[in-house]
């Protein structure tokens, strides 16, 4: 299954607090990428947000992976995990009875 993960700075955290974890965090991200669970990663600077795309058996596996990240362990990042499922409305293209007038 595919999961979207949004990581944002925890409230009241300063940029200086993140610096000591930067290298360790990147090593952990690289490890998740190398093991095949982390498929994509993006960064947005304003407002600061990290977007990760994971492939995992279930949401619990994603949380296990996220719990390994040093900045999450340190309480610097908040997480939001979204299960990405198939776009079912596209069935209307192929099944005319779905959109048929009642």
PDB file of N, CA and C in Angstrom:
ATOM      1  N   UNK A   1       0.834  -1.168   0.000  1.00  0.00           N
ATOM      2  CA  UNK A   1       0.000   0.000   0.000  1.00  0.00           C
ATOM      3  C   UNK A   1       0.885   1.241   0.000  1.00  0.00           C
ATOM      4  N   UNK A   2       0.326   2.310  -0.486  1.00  0.00           N
ATOM      5  CA  UNK A   2       1.067   3.570  -0.569  1.00  0.00           C
ATOM      6  C   UNK A   2       0.540   4.539   0.486  1.00  0.00           C
ATOM      7  N   UNK A   3       1.481   5.261   1.124  1.00  0.00           N
ATOM      8  CA  UNK A   3       1.140   6.207   2.171  1.00  0.00           C
ATOM      9  C   UNK A   3       1.849   7.530   1.936  1.00  0.00           C
ATOM     10  N   UNK A   4       1.095   8.600   2.147  1.00  0.00           N
ATOM     11  CA  UNK A   4       1.626   9.953   2.112  1.00  0.00           C
ATOM     12  C   UNK A   4       1.913  10.362   3.551  1.00  0.00           C
ATOM     13  N   UNK A   5       3.107  10.862   3.794  1.00  0.00           N
ATOM     14  CA  UNK A   5       3.487  11.321   5.130  1.00  0.00           C
ATOM     15  C   UNK A   5       3.866  12.792   5.042  1.00  0.00           C
ATOM     16  N   UNK A   6       3.247  13.599   5.879  1.00  0.00           N
ATOM     17  CA  UNK A   6       3.570  15.020   5.967  1.00  0.00           C
ATOM     18  C   UNK A   6       4.209  15.281   7.322  1.00  0.00           C
ATOM     19  N   UNK A   7       5.406  15.810   7.298  1.00  0.00           N
ATOM     20  CA  UNK A   7       6.136  16.128   8.529  1.00  0.00           C
ATOM     21  C   UNK A   7       6.278  17.637   8.627  1.00  0.00           C
ATOM     22  N   UNK A   8       5.858  18.179   9.756  1.00  0.00           N
ATOM     23  CA  UNK A   8       5.956  19.617   9.993  1.00  0.00           C
ATOM     24  C   UNK A   8       6.624  19.859  11.343  1.00  0.00           C
ATOM     25  N   UNK A   9       7.284  20.996  11.499  1.00  0.00           N
ATOM     26  CA  UNK A   9       7.915  21.283  12.787  1.00  0.00           C
ATOM     27  C   UNK A   9       6.875  21.315  13.912  1.00  0.00           C
ATOM     28  N   UNK A  10       7.235  20.734  15.023  1.00  0.00           N
ATOM     29  CA  UNK A  10       6.368  20.783  16.200  1.00  0.00           C
ATOM     30  C   UNK A  10       6.285  22.237  16.678  1.00  0.00           C
ATOM     31  N   UNK A  11       5.192  22.559  17.319  1.00  0.00           N
ATOM     32  CA  UNK A  11       4.970  23.929  17.806  1.00  0.00           C
ATOM     33  C   UNK A  11       6.109  24.383  18.708  1.00  0.00           C
ATOM     34  N   UNK A  12       6.456  25.627  18.562  1.00  0.00           N
ATOM     35  CA  UNK A  12       7.449  26.300  19.407  1.00  0.00           C
ATOM     36  C   UNK A  12       8.874  25.787  19.197  1.00  0.00           C
ATOM     37  N   UNK A  13       9.135  25.093  18.107  1.00  0.00           N
ATOM     38  CA  UNK A  13      10.498  24.612  17.832  1.00  0.00           C
ATOM     39  C   UNK A  13      11.216  25.622  16.943  1.00  0.00           C
ATOM     40  N   UNK A  14      12.506  25.796  17.181  1.00  0.00           N
ATOM     41  CA  UNK A  14      13.298  26.731  16.385  1.00  0.00           C
ATOM     42  C   UNK A  14      14.202  25.961  15.425  1.00  0.00           C
ATOM     43  N   UNK A  15      14.619  26.634  14.377  1.00  0.00           N
ATOM     44  CA  UNK A  15      15.499  26.017  13.389  1.00  0.00           C
ATOM     45  C   UNK A  15      16.785  25.507  14.035  1.00  0.00           C
ATOM     46  N   UNK A  16      17.293  26.218  15.005  1.00  0.00           N
ATOM     47  CA  UNK A  16      18.531  25.820  15.680  1.00  0.00           C
ATOM     48  C   UNK A  16      18.410  24.452  16.351  1.00  0.00           C
ATOM     49  N   UNK A  17      17.219  24.095  16.789  1.00  0.00           N
ATOM     50  CA  UNK A  17      17.022  22.802  17.442  1.00  0.00           C
ATOM     51  C   UNK A  17      17.165  21.628  16.473  1.00  0.00           C
ATOM     52  N   UNK A  18      16.954  21.870  15.193  1.00  0.00           N
ATOM     53  CA  UNK A  18      17.020  20.806  14.195  1.00  0.00           C
ATOM     54  C   UNK A  18      18.454  20.482  13.786  1.00  0.00           C
ATOM     55  N   UNK A  19      19.321  21.472  13.810  1.00  0.00           N
ATOM     56  CA  UNK A  19      20.684  21.327  13.294  1.00  0.00           C
ATOM     57  C   UNK A  19      21.456  20.121  13.846  1.00  0.00           C
ATOM     58  N   UNK A  20      21.440  19.855  15.147  1.00  0.00           N
ATOM     59  CA  UNK A  20      22.223  18.724  15.658  1.00  0.00           C
ATOM     60  C   UNK A  20      21.765  17.357  15.127  1.00  0.00           C
ATOM     61  N   UNK A  21      20.570  17.304  14.569  1.00  0.00           N
ATOM     62  CA  UNK A  21      20.021  16.025  14.087  1.00  0.00           C
ATOM     63  C   UNK A  21      20.097  15.876  12.566  1.00  0.00           C
ATOM     64  N   UNK A  22      20.569  16.889  11.871  1.00  0.00           N
ATOM     65  CA  UNK A  22      20.484  16.924  10.405  1.00  0.00           C
ATOM     66  C   UNK A  22      21.173  15.733   9.733  1.00  0.00           C
ATOM     67  N   UNK A  23      22.408  15.460  10.074  1.00  0.00           N
ATOM     68  CA  UNK A  23      23.145  14.372   9.413  1.00  0.00           C
ATOM     69  C   UNK A  23      22.532  13.023   9.772  1.00  0.00           C
ATOM     70  N   UNK A  24      22.260  12.811  11.036  1.00  0.00           N
ATOM     71  CA  UNK A  24      21.658  11.547  11.476  1.00  0.00           C
ATOM     72  C   UNK A  24      20.293  11.337  10.802  1.00  0.00           C
ATOM     73  N   UNK A  25      19.534  12.398  10.641  1.00  0.00           N
ATOM     74  CA  UNK A  25      18.229  12.317   9.980  1.00  0.00           C
ATOM     75  C   UNK A  25      18.389  11.898   8.514  1.00  0.00           C
ATOM     76  N   UNK A  26      19.339  12.505   7.831  1.00  0.00           N
ATOM     77  CA  UNK A  26      19.563  12.167   6.417  1.00  0.00           C
ATOM     78  C   UNK A  26      20.041  10.730   6.259  1.00  0.00           C
ATOM     79  N   UNK A  27      20.843  10.257   7.170  1.00  0.00           N
ATOM     80  CA  UNK A  27      21.286   8.857   7.132  1.00  0.00           C
ATOM     81  C   UNK A  27      20.089   7.926   7.309  1.00  0.00           C
ATOM     82  N   UNK A  28      19.186   8.264   8.217  1.00  0.00           N
ATOM     83  CA  UNK A  28      17.984   7.449   8.438  1.00  0.00           C
ATOM     84  C   UNK A  28      17.074   7.475   7.210  1.00  0.00           C
ATOM     85  N   UNK A  29      16.907   8.653   6.605  1.00  0.00           N
ATOM     86  CA  UNK A  29      16.095   8.776   5.391  1.00  0.00           C
ATOM     87  C   UNK A  29      16.709   7.939   4.273  1.00  0.00           C
ATOM     88  N   UNK A  30      18.021   8.019   4.113  1.00  0.00           N
ATOM     89  CA  UNK A  30      18.698   7.237   3.084  1.00  0.00           C
ATOM     90  C   UNK A  30      18.497   5.736   3.329  1.00  0.00           C
ATOM     91  N   UNK A  31      18.576   5.310   4.579  1.00  0.00           N
ATOM     92  CA  UNK A  31      18.352   3.898   4.905  1.00  0.00           C
ATOM     93  C   UNK A  31      16.954   3.435   4.521  1.00  0.00           C
ATOM     94  N   UNK A  32      15.948   4.266   4.797  1.00  0.00           N
ATOM     95  CA  UNK A  32      14.566   3.922   4.435  1.00  0.00           C
ATOM     96  C   UNK A  32      14.399   3.877   2.920  1.00  0.00           C
ATOM     97  N   UNK A  33      15.105   4.751   2.218  1.00  0.00           N
ATOM     98  CA  UNK A  33      15.057   4.748   0.758  1.00  0.00           C
ATOM     99  C   UNK A  33      15.737   3.489   0.205  1.00  0.00           C
ATOM    100  N   UNK A  34      16.883   3.169   0.768  1.00  0.00           N
ATOM    101  CA  UNK A  34      17.645   1.992   0.316  1.00  0.00           C
ATOM    102  C   UNK A  34      16.888   0.690   0.568  1.00  0.00           C
ATOM    103  N   UNK A  35      16.122   0.616   1.684  1.00  0.00           N
ATOM    104  CA  UNK A  35      15.410  -0.634   1.963  1.00  0.00           C
ATOM    105  C   UNK A  35      14.116  -0.762   1.169  1.00  0.00           C
ATOM    106  N   UNK A  36      13.772   0.289   0.395  1.00  0.00           N
ATOM    107  CA  UNK A  36      12.646   0.198  -0.520  1.00  0.00           C
ATOM    108  C   UNK A  36      11.312   0.649   0.021  1.00  0.00           C
ATOM    109  N   UNK A  37      11.233   1.015   1.301  1.00  0.00           N
ATOM    110  CA  UNK A  37       9.952   1.475   1.827  1.00  0.00           C
ATOM    111  C   UNK A  37       9.699   2.938   1.495  1.00  0.00           C
ATOM    112  N   UNK A  38      10.699   3.759   1.596  1.00  0.00           N
ATOM    113  CA  UNK A  38      10.560   5.171   1.233  1.00  0.00           C
ATOM    114  C   UNK A  38      10.789   5.287  -0.267  1.00  0.00           C
ATOM    115  N   UNK A  39       9.772   5.763  -0.988  1.00  0.00           N
ATOM    116  CA  UNK A  39       9.846   5.837  -2.453  1.00  0.00           C
ATOM    117  C   UNK A  39      10.167   7.231  -2.968  1.00  0.00           C
ATOM    118  N   UNK A  40       9.675   8.255  -2.278  1.00  0.00           N
ATOM    119  CA  UNK A  40       9.880   9.632  -2.724  1.00  0.00           C
ATOM    120  C   UNK A  40       9.989  10.531  -1.510  1.00  0.00           C
ATOM    121  N   UNK A  41      10.724  11.637  -1.658  1.00  0.00           N
ATOM    122  CA  UNK A  41      10.796  12.624  -0.586  1.00  0.00           C
ATOM    123  C   UNK A  41      10.956  14.016  -1.188  1.00  0.00           C
ATOM    124  N   UNK A  42      10.281  14.960  -0.549  1.00  0.00           N
ATOM    125  CA  UNK A  42      10.251  16.347  -1.024  1.00  0.00           C
ATOM    126  C   UNK A  42      10.326  17.283   0.174  1.00  0.00           C
ATOM    127  N   UNK A  43      10.832  18.489  -0.073  1.00  0.00           N
ATOM    128  CA  UNK A  43      10.913  19.501   0.979  1.00  0.00           C
ATOM    129  C   UNK A  43      10.337  20.805   0.467  1.00  0.00           C
ATOM    130  N   UNK A  44       9.575  21.436   1.310  1.00  0.00           N
ATOM    131  CA  UNK A  44       9.021  22.760   1.028  1.00  0.00           C
ATOM    132  C   UNK A  44       9.507  23.678   2.140  1.00  0.00           C
ATOM    133  N   UNK A  45      10.070  24.820   1.776  1.00  0.00           N
ATOM    134  CA  UNK A  45      10.657  25.681   2.800  1.00  0.00           C
ATOM    135  C   UNK A  45       9.679  26.653   3.444  1.00  0.00           C
ATOM    136  N   UNK A  46       8.626  27.041   2.743  1.00  0.00           N
ATOM    137  CA  UNK A  46       7.720  28.028   3.311  1.00  0.00           C
ATOM    138  C   UNK A  46       6.264  27.714   2.987  1.00  0.00           C
ATOM    139  N   UNK A  47       5.505  27.260   3.978  1.00  0.00           N
ATOM    140  CA  UNK A  47       5.927  26.893   5.324  1.00  0.00           C
ATOM    141  C   UNK A  47       6.721  25.595   5.281  1.00  0.00           C
ATOM    142  N   UNK A  48       7.595  25.378   6.249  1.00  0.00           N
ATOM    143  CA  UNK A  48       8.435  24.182   6.224  1.00  0.00           C
ATOM    144  C   UNK A  48       7.604  22.902   6.354  1.00  0.00           C
ATOM    145  N   UNK A  49       7.843  22.002   5.416  1.00  0.00           N
ATOM    146  CA  UNK A  49       7.129  20.725   5.425  1.00  0.00           C
ATOM    147  C   UNK A  49       7.919  19.723   4.603  1.00  0.00           C
ATOM    148  N   UNK A  50       7.983  18.509   5.093  1.00  0.00           N
ATOM    149  CA  UNK A  50       8.594  17.401   4.374  1.00  0.00           C
ATOM    150  C   UNK A  50       7.470  16.473   3.948  1.00  0.00           C
ATOM    151  N   UNK A  51       7.520  16.057   2.685  1.00  0.00           N
ATOM    152  CA  UNK A  51       6.544  15.119   2.152  1.00  0.00           C
ATOM    153  C   UNK A  51       7.279  13.839   1.783  1.00  0.00           C
ATOM    154  N   UNK A  52       6.811  12.737   2.339  1.00  0.00           N
ATOM    155  CA  UNK A  52       7.405  11.429   2.071  1.00  0.00           C
ATOM    156  C   UNK A  52       6.331  10.504   1.512  1.00  0.00           C
ATOM    157  N   UNK A  53       6.716   9.648   0.589  1.00  0.00           N
ATOM    158  CA  UNK A  53       5.823   8.629   0.063  1.00  0.00           C
ATOM    159  C   UNK A  53       6.431   7.275   0.422  1.00  0.00           C
ATOM    160  N   UNK A  54       5.668   6.494   1.178  1.00  0.00           N
ATOM    161  CA  UNK A  54       6.111   5.161   1.604  1.00  0.00           C
ATOM    162  C   UNK A  54       5.284   4.078   0.929  1.00  0.00           C
ATOM    163  N   UNK A  55       5.909   2.938   0.687  1.00  0.00           N
ATOM    164  CA  UNK A  55       5.226   1.703   0.313  1.00  0.00           C
ATOM    165  C   UNK A  55       5.383   0.790   1.513  1.00  0.00           C
ATOM    166  N   UNK A  56       4.263   0.321   2.049  1.00  0.00           N
ATOM    167  CA  UNK A  56       4.312  -0.539   3.237  1.00  0.00           C
ATOM    168  C   UNK A  56       3.083  -1.442   3.277  1.00  0.00           C
ATOM    169  N   UNK A  57       3.177  -2.511   4.052  1.00  0.00           N
ATOM    170  CA  UNK A  57       2.065  -3.454   4.176  1.00  0.00           C
ATOM    171  C   UNK A  57       0.857  -2.817   4.849  1.00  0.00           C
ATOM    172  N   UNK A  58       1.117  -1.939   5.818  1.00  0.00           N
ATOM    173  CA  UNK A  58       0.020  -1.267   6.520  1.00  0.00           C
ATOM    174  C   UNK A  58       0.548  -0.024   7.221  1.00  0.00           C
ATOM    175  N   UNK A  59      -0.372   0.740   7.789  1.00  0.00           N
ATOM    176  CA  UNK A  59      -0.008   2.006   8.420  1.00  0.00           C
ATOM    177  C   UNK A  59       0.917   1.801   9.621  1.00  0.00           C
ATOM    178  N   UNK A  60       0.787   0.678  10.305  1.00  0.00           N
ATOM    179  CA  UNK A  60       1.662   0.403  11.451  1.00  0.00           C
ATOM    180  C   UNK A  60       3.122   0.339  11.016  1.00  0.00           C
ATOM    181  N   UNK A  61       3.385  -0.265   9.857  1.00  0.00           N
ATOM    182  CA  UNK A  61       4.755  -0.325   9.346  1.00  0.00           C
ATOM    183  C   UNK A  61       5.308   1.063   9.040  1.00  0.00           C
ATOM    184  N   UNK A  62       4.464   1.947   8.552  1.00  0.00           N
ATOM    185  CA  UNK A  62       4.900   3.318   8.275  1.00  0.00           C
ATOM    186  C   UNK A  62       5.274   4.008   9.583  1.00  0.00           C
ATOM    187  N   UNK A  63       4.464   3.839  10.613  1.00  0.00           N
ATOM    188  CA  UNK A  63       4.771   4.464  11.904  1.00  0.00           C
ATOM    189  C   UNK A  63       6.056   3.895  12.504  1.00  0.00           C
ATOM    190  N   UNK A  64       6.305   2.619  12.297  1.00  0.00           N
ATOM    191  CA  UNK A  64       7.567   2.026  12.771  1.00  0.00           C
ATOM    192  C   UNK A  64       8.749   2.704  12.081  1.00  0.00           C
ATOM    193  N   UNK A  65       8.634   2.882  10.768  1.00  0.00           N
ATOM    194  CA  UNK A  65       9.695   3.570  10.020  1.00  0.00           C
ATOM    195  C   UNK A  65       9.872   5.007  10.513  1.00  0.00           C
ATOM    196  N   UNK A  66       8.774   5.712  10.691  1.00  0.00           N
ATOM    197  CA  UNK A  66       8.855   7.102  11.140  1.00  0.00           C
ATOM    198  C   UNK A  66       9.439   7.213  12.539  1.00  0.00           C
ATOM    199  N   UNK A  67       9.138   6.263  13.401  1.00  0.00           N
ATOM    200  CA  UNK A  67       9.670   6.283  14.765  1.00  0.00           C
ATOM    201  C   UNK A  67      11.181   6.132  14.800  1.00  0.00           C
ATOM    202  N   UNK A  68      11.780   5.707  13.694  1.00  0.00           N
ATOM    203  CA  UNK A  68      13.240   5.583  13.598  1.00  0.00           C
ATOM    204  C   UNK A  68      13.920   6.910  13.274  1.00  0.00           C
ATOM    205  N   UNK A  69      13.152   7.885  12.836  1.00  0.00           N
ATOM    206  CA  UNK A  69      13.747   9.163  12.443  1.00  0.00           C
ATOM    207  C   UNK A  69      14.154   9.972  13.669  1.00  0.00           C
ATOM    208  N   UNK A  70      15.399  10.410  13.729  1.00  0.00           N
ATOM    209  CA  UNK A  70      15.907  11.136  14.897  1.00  0.00           C
ATOM    210  C   UNK A  70      15.099  12.379  15.259  1.00  0.00           C
ATOM    211  N   UNK A  71      14.622  13.129  14.281  1.00  0.00           N
ATOM    212  CA  UNK A  71      13.877  14.353  14.589  1.00  0.00           C
ATOM    213  C   UNK A  71      12.503  14.045  15.158  1.00  0.00           C
ATOM    214  N   UNK A  72      11.939  12.918  14.794  1.00  0.00           N
ATOM    215  CA  UNK A  72      10.674  12.503  15.408  1.00  0.00           C
ATOM    216  C   UNK A  72      10.937  12.014  16.827  1.00  0.00           C
ATOM    217  N   UNK A  73      12.005  11.227  16.997  1.00  0.00           N
ATOM    218  CA  UNK A  73      12.371  10.754  18.346  1.00  0.00           C
ATOM    219  C   UNK A  73      12.575  11.928  19.301  1.00  0.00           C
ATOM    220  N   UNK A  74      13.151  13.014  18.777  1.00  0.00           N
ATOM    221  CA  UNK A  74      13.449  14.186  19.611  1.00  0.00           C
ATOM    222  C   UNK A  74      12.237  15.093  19.802  1.00  0.00           C
ATOM    223  N   UNK A  75      11.115  14.751  19.196  1.00  0.00           N
ATOM    224  CA  UNK A  75       9.912  15.562  19.348  1.00  0.00           C
ATOM    225  C   UNK A  75       9.918  16.847  18.530  1.00  0.00           C
ATOM    226  N   UNK A  76      10.762  16.897  17.507  1.00  0.00           N
ATOM    227  CA  UNK A  76      10.867  18.102  16.687  1.00  0.00           C
ATOM    228  C   UNK A  76       9.841  18.153  15.562  1.00  0.00           C
ATOM    229  N   UNK A  77       9.345  16.994  15.156  1.00  0.00           N
ATOM    230  CA  UNK A  77       8.431  16.927  14.018  1.00  0.00           C
ATOM    231  C   UNK A  77       7.094  16.317  14.396  1.00  0.00           C
ATOM    232  N   UNK A  78       6.043  16.886  13.832  1.00  0.00           N
ATOM    233  CA  UNK A  78       4.700  16.309  13.909  1.00  0.00           C
ATOM    234  C   UNK A  78       4.474  15.538  12.617  1.00  0.00           C
ATOM    235  N   UNK A  79       3.699  14.467  12.689  1.00  0.00           N
ATOM    236  CA  UNK A  79       3.446  13.665  11.495  1.00  0.00           C
ATOM    237  C   UNK A  79       1.973  13.539  11.189  1.00  0.00           C
ATOM    238  N   UNK A  80       1.705  13.403   9.920  1.00  0.00           N
ATOM    239  CA  UNK A  80       0.362  13.080   9.452  1.00  0.00           C
ATOM    240  C   UNK A  80       0.531  12.005   8.390  1.00  0.00           C
ATOM    241  N   UNK A  81      -0.111  10.865   8.582  1.00  0.00           N
ATOM    242  CA  UNK A  81       0.009   9.743   7.656  1.00  0.00           C
ATOM    243  C   UNK A  81      -1.343   9.533   6.981  1.00  0.00           C
ATOM    244  N   UNK A  82      -1.319   9.486   5.649  1.00  0.00           N
ATOM    245  CA  UNK A  82      -2.538   9.331   4.858  1.00  0.00           C
ATOM    246  C   UNK A  82      -2.385   8.108   3.959  1.00  0.00           C
ATOM    247  N   UNK A  83      -3.330   7.166   4.079  1.00  0.00           N
ATOM    248  CA  UNK A  83      -3.330   6.009   3.185  1.00  0.00           C
ATOM    249  C   UNK A  83      -3.849   6.459   1.825  1.00  0.00           C
ATOM    250  N   UNK A  84      -3.090   6.170   0.777  1.00  0.00           N
ATOM    251  CA  UNK A  84      -3.479   6.544  -0.575  1.00  0.00           C
ATOM    252  C   UNK A  84      -4.068   5.321  -1.273  1.00  0.00           C
ATOM    253  N   UNK A  85      -5.337   5.397  -1.585  1.00  0.00           N
ATOM    254  CA  UNK A  85      -6.010   4.286  -2.251  1.00  0.00           C
ATOM    255  C   UNK A  85      -6.269   4.609  -3.710  1.00  0.00           C
ATOM    256  N   UNK A  86      -6.866   3.675  -4.409  1.00  0.00           N
ATOM    257  CA  UNK A  86      -7.159   3.898  -5.825  1.00  0.00           C
ATOM    258  C   UNK A  86      -8.220   4.978  -6.017  1.00  0.00           C
ATOM    259  N   UNK A  87      -8.168   5.645  -7.149  1.00  0.00           N
ATOM    260  CA  UNK A  87      -9.140   6.690  -7.489  1.00  0.00           C
ATOM    261  C   UNK A  87     -10.356   6.004  -8.093  1.00  0.00           C
ATOM    262  N   UNK A  88     -11.309   5.646  -7.248  1.00  0.00           N
ATOM    263  CA  UNK A  88     -12.475   4.879  -7.688  1.00  0.00           C
ATOM    264  C   UNK A  88     -13.428   5.636  -8.607  1.00  0.00           C
ATOM    265  N   UNK A  89     -13.566   6.958  -8.511  1.00  0.00           N
ATOM    266  CA  UNK A  89     -14.477   7.646  -9.430  1.00  0.00           C
ATOM    267  C   UNK A  89     -14.138   7.446 -10.907  1.00  0.00           C
ATOM    268  N   UNK A  90     -12.935   7.034 -11.213  1.00  0.00           N
ATOM    269  CA  UNK A  90     -12.572   6.809 -12.609  1.00  0.00           C
ATOM    270  C   UNK A  90     -13.390   5.666 -13.224  1.00  0.00           C
ATOM    271  N   UNK A  91     -14.014   4.850 -12.382  1.00  0.00           N
ATOM    272  CA  UNK A  91     -14.870   3.778 -12.898  1.00  0.00           C
ATOM    273  C   UNK A  91     -15.977   4.329 -13.790  1.00  0.00           C
ATOM    274  N   UNK A  92     -16.359   5.558 -13.556  1.00  0.00           N
ATOM    275  CA  UNK A  92     -17.424   6.163 -14.357  1.00  0.00           C
ATOM    276  C   UNK A  92     -17.052   6.220 -15.833  1.00  0.00           C
ATOM    277  N   UNK A  93     -15.796   6.290 -16.132  1.00  0.00           N
ATOM    278  CA  UNK A  93     -15.323   6.316 -17.510  1.00  0.00           C
ATOM    279  C   UNK A  93     -15.626   4.989 -18.222  1.00  0.00           C
ATOM    280  N   UNK A  94     -15.561   3.912 -17.454  1.00  0.00           N
ATOM    281  CA  UNK A  94     -15.678   2.581 -18.031  1.00  0.00           C
ATOM    282  C   UNK A  94     -17.054   1.932 -17.808  1.00  0.00           C
ATOM    283  N   UNK A  95     -17.753   2.356 -16.774  1.00  0.00           N
ATOM    284  CA  UNK A  95     -19.052   1.764 -16.442  1.00  0.00           C
ATOM    285  C   UNK A  95     -20.118   2.851 -16.558  1.00  0.00           C
ATOM    286  N   UNK A  96     -20.783   2.891 -17.659  1.00  0.00           N
ATOM    287  CA  UNK A  96     -21.762   3.935 -17.930  1.00  0.00           C
ATOM    288  C   UNK A  96     -22.961   3.891 -16.979  1.00  0.00           C
ATOM    289  N   UNK A  97     -23.219   2.758 -16.325  1.00  0.00           N
ATOM    290  CA  UNK A  97     -24.355   2.678 -15.405  1.00  0.00           C
ATOM    291  C   UNK A  97     -24.102   3.503 -14.155  1.00  0.00           C
ATOM    292  N   UNK A  98     -22.856   3.753 -13.830  1.00  0.00           N
ATOM    293  CA  UNK A  98     -22.538   4.547 -12.654  1.00  0.00           C
ATOM    294  C   UNK A  98     -23.055   5.978 -12.811  1.00  0.00           C
ATOM    295  N   UNK A  99     -22.923   6.526 -13.992  1.00  0.00           N
ATOM    296  CA  UNK A  99     -23.314   7.910 -14.237  1.00  0.00           C
ATOM    297  C   UNK A  99     -24.643   8.042 -14.970  1.00  0.00           C
ATOM    298  N   UNK A 100     -25.326   6.930 -15.145  1.00  0.00           N
ATOM    299  CA  UNK A 100     -26.612   6.978 -15.867  1.00  0.00           C
ATOM    300  C   UNK A 100     -27.660   7.750 -15.069  1.00  0.00           C
ATOM    301  N   UNK A 101     -28.471   8.545 -15.742  1.00  0.00           N
ATOM    302  CA  UNK A 101     -29.533   9.285 -15.033  1.00  0.00           C
ATOM    303  C   UNK A 101     -30.509   8.315 -14.365  1.00  0.00           C
ATOM    304  N   UNK A 102     -30.980   8.694 -13.228  1.00  0.00           N
ATOM    305  CA  UNK A 102     -31.917   7.843 -12.467  1.00  0.00           C
ATOM    306  C   UNK A 102     -33.343   8.134 -12.848  1.00  0.00           C
TER     307      UNK A 102
END
